[in-house]
Every structure is written in structure tokens, then in C-alpha cells.
Amino acid sequence: MTINDALKIYIVCATGDEASGKLIGRTPTTKTPKGQRTEIAVKRQGELWPEAVPEDAAAAGGVGGYTAFWFLLNIEGRRIFSELSSPSEIQRGKITSWSERNILPVIDLDDSPIVGTRGPRDGFTGEFDIPVQRIA
């Protein structure tokens, strides 16, 4: 998990199912079930009145008052599909609904050049721009 206090968000990375990172098709889910802390955090985030969640459950749910985003990865052969999405519902340990989905461009490892610039001493500076398309 990475946390941004200024924006009051946190990001968790997980493997998504085969629908993750795709605009067309069914709604993606996390590939494997998550634990009780994730369930509490998702339910707390979707709560209209988060103060109604018992304090011990809120503490177990992670970062209170912050919006969660999940960076979902779906690898198919040599293509990587991904998205940065905010969960709204969890069932049987899997996140099944998203209040916001941001689909990232597909990375094809066979023909996608590495984007970026060379820096001092030929090091990779990491300066690049990835277009993001919000769909929800």
C-alpha cells in the first residue's frame, strides 16, 4: 500500500481477473479473495455514514477517511492490462464493484518500446506520460 496524505488516498496493488484493464465486458473483480481488513475497508468506504462503523472495525479496516484505489493487473501472455479503480462492494472476499474505474493503456511487451529519457550517467529518469481514460 502507498499512501498520499495530501490527497487523502491510498493505493493497493493486486492481481485482477481477466476483465481487469478492459473497457468492454463484465465488471472486473480481484483475482483472489481478500481478508477481513480489506472487507471492512471497502464496506467502510461505501458507507454513507462511516461513523456508524464500530471504532475497532474501522481501525482494522486500514486508513480511515482516505479513499482507496486498487491498481489491478491482468497479464495475458505478453500483454499487460491494468487499471486504477476505487472499490464500492465486496462479496466473498472479492471486490466486485467499483465507484470509479481508470483504464490504463495496454502494454504489449513484444512491440512496446520503453518510454522515457536517459538521465545522468545513462540512467533512466522515469520521465514519461501515460494517458488515462476514466470510464465511471
Protein backbone atom coordinates (compact mmCIF):
# COMPACT_ATOMS: atom_id res chain seq x y z
CA MET A 1 0.00 0.00 0.00
CA THR A 2 1.18 3.51 -0.74
CA ILE A 3 -0.45 6.50 0.97
CA ASN A 4 -0.78 10.11 -0.17
CA ASP A 5 -1.72 12.24 2.84
CA ALA A 6 -2.15 15.42 0.77
CA LEU A 7 -4.79 13.82 -1.48
CA LYS A 8 -6.17 11.55 1.28
CA ILE A 9 -5.91 8.46 -0.92
CA TYR A 10 -4.13 5.16 -0.72
CA ILE A 11 -3.30 2.68 -3.47
CA VAL A 12 -3.12 -1.08 -3.18
CA CYS A 13 -1.71 -3.33 -5.91
CA ALA A 14 -3.40 -6.66 -6.68
CA THR A 15 -3.94 -9.14 -9.48
CA GLY A 16 -7.28 -8.71 -11.19
CA ASP A 17 -9.30 -11.25 -13.14
CA GLU A 18 -9.43 -11.44 -16.95
CA ALA A 19 -11.84 -8.44 -17.16
CA SER A 20 -9.39 -6.08 -15.40
CA GLY A 21 -7.98 -3.27 -17.51
CA LYS A 22 -10.58 -3.69 -20.27
CA LEU A 23 -13.27 -1.23 -21.34
CA ILE A 24 -15.65 -3.81 -22.79
CA GLY A 25 -17.09 -6.81 -20.99
CA ARG A 26 -18.15 -7.55 -17.47
CA THR A 27 -17.05 -5.71 -14.36
CA PRO A 28 -13.67 -6.92 -13.09
CA THR A 29 -13.00 -8.45 -9.69
CA THR A 30 -9.87 -9.12 -7.72
CA LYS A 31 -8.48 -12.48 -8.82
CA THR A 32 -8.27 -13.97 -5.33
CA PRO A 33 -10.31 -13.35 -2.18
CA LYS A 34 -9.01 -10.73 0.23
CA GLY A 35 -9.06 -10.76 4.01
CA GLN A 36 -11.22 -9.23 6.70
CA ARG A 37 -9.29 -5.94 6.78
CA THR A 38 -9.98 -5.37 3.08
CA GLU A 39 -13.65 -6.24 3.53
CA ILE A 40 -14.00 -3.75 6.38
CA ALA A 41 -12.15 -1.04 4.44
CA VAL A 42 -14.33 -1.47 1.33
CA LYS A 43 -17.54 -1.54 3.35
CA ARG A 44 -16.44 1.49 5.36
CA GLN A 45 -15.58 3.42 2.18
CA GLY A 46 -19.03 2.67 0.74
CA GLU A 47 -20.81 3.61 3.99
CA LEU A 48 -22.99 6.69 3.73
CA TRP A 49 -22.23 7.36 7.40
CA PRO A 50 -18.75 5.90 8.11
CA GLU A 51 -19.06 6.97 11.75
CA ALA A 52 -21.67 4.21 12.12
CA VAL A 53 -18.91 1.59 11.73
CA PRO A 54 -17.69 0.44 15.17
CA GLU A 55 -14.33 2.00 16.12
CA ASP A 56 -12.50 -1.34 16.42
CA ALA A 57 -13.74 -2.39 12.96
CA ALA A 58 -12.75 0.98 11.50
CA ALA A 59 -9.23 0.65 12.90
CA ALA A 60 -8.95 -2.86 11.43
CA GLY A 61 -10.07 -1.55 8.02
CA GLY A 62 -6.97 0.49 7.30
CA VAL A 63 -6.67 4.20 6.64
CA GLY A 64 -9.85 5.89 7.88
CA GLY A 65 -11.10 8.93 5.98
CA TYR A 66 -8.97 8.13 2.91
CA THR A 67 -10.27 6.95 -0.47
CA ALA A 68 -8.88 3.60 -1.59
CA PHE A 69 -7.77 2.87 -5.15
CA TRP A 70 -6.68 -0.54 -6.38
CA PHE A 71 -4.08 -0.91 -9.10
CA LEU A 72 -5.31 -4.09 -10.79
CA LEU A 73 -3.02 -6.05 -13.09
CA ASN A 74 -4.17 -8.65 -15.61
CA ILE A 75 -1.36 -10.35 -17.55
CA GLU A 76 -2.33 -12.26 -20.68
CA GLY A 77 0.66 -13.75 -22.45
CA ARG A 78 2.95 -10.82 -23.15
CA ARG A 79 0.24 -8.16 -22.77
CA ILE A 80 -0.43 -6.32 -19.52
CA PHE A 81 -3.88 -4.86 -18.87
CA SER A 82 -4.26 -2.57 -15.86
CA GLU A 83 -6.50 -0.06 -14.19
CA LEU A 84 -6.60 2.19 -11.14
CA SER A 85 -10.04 1.84 -9.60
CA SER A 86 -11.90 2.68 -6.40
CA PRO A 87 -13.89 -0.20 -4.83
CA SER A 88 -17.52 0.08 -3.73
CA GLU A 89 -18.58 -3.51 -2.99
CA ILE A 90 -17.00 -6.76 -1.83
CA GLN A 91 -18.56 -10.24 -1.86
CA ARG A 92 -17.00 -13.44 -0.54
CA GLY A 93 -13.66 -11.66 -0.22
CA LYS A 94 -13.51 -10.42 -3.83
CA ILE A 95 -14.07 -6.78 -4.80
CA THR A 96 -16.97 -6.95 -7.26
CA SER A 97 -18.00 -3.34 -7.87
CA TRP A 98 -16.13 -0.09 -8.44
CA SER A 99 -17.27 3.52 -7.94
CA GLU A 100 -14.58 4.78 -10.32
CA ARG A 101 -12.51 2.95 -12.95
CA ASN A 102 -9.46 4.43 -14.69
CA ILE A 103 -8.25 2.18 -17.51
CA LEU A 104 -4.55 2.42 -18.33
CA PRO A 105 -3.09 1.72 -21.79
CA VAL A 106 -2.30 -1.90 -22.63
CA ILE A 107 1.39 -2.71 -22.52
CA ASP A 108 2.47 -5.16 -25.21
CA LEU A 109 5.89 -6.49 -24.28
CA ASP A 110 6.53 -7.65 -27.86
CA ASP A 111 6.25 -4.27 -29.56
CA SER A 112 6.05 -1.52 -26.93
CA PRO A 113 9.27 0.41 -26.63
CA ILE A 114 10.24 1.54 -23.16
CA VAL A 115 9.14 5.15 -22.91
CA GLY A 116 11.35 7.57 -21.04
CA THR A 117 14.51 9.55 -21.25
CA ARG A 118 18.09 8.83 -20.38
CA GLY A 119 19.47 10.77 -17.46
CA PRO A 120 22.85 11.41 -15.88
CA ARG A 121 25.30 8.55 -16.44
CA ASP A 122 22.79 6.90 -18.83
CA GLY A 123 20.36 6.16 -16.02
CA PHE A 124 16.64 6.01 -16.72
CA THR A 125 14.98 9.14 -15.33
CA GLY A 126 11.48 7.67 -15.38
CA GLU A 127 10.03 10.74 -17.06
CA PHE A 128 7.08 9.58 -19.13
CA ASP A 129 3.44 10.35 -19.71
CA ILE A 130 0.74 7.67 -19.61
CA PRO A 131 -2.71 8.62 -20.93
CA VAL A 132 -5.51 7.53 -18.56
CA GLN A 133 -9.16 7.17 -19.57
CA ARG A 134 -11.83 7.50 -16.87
CA ILE A 135 -14.93 5.38 -17.64
CA ALA A 136 -17.02 5.68 -14.48
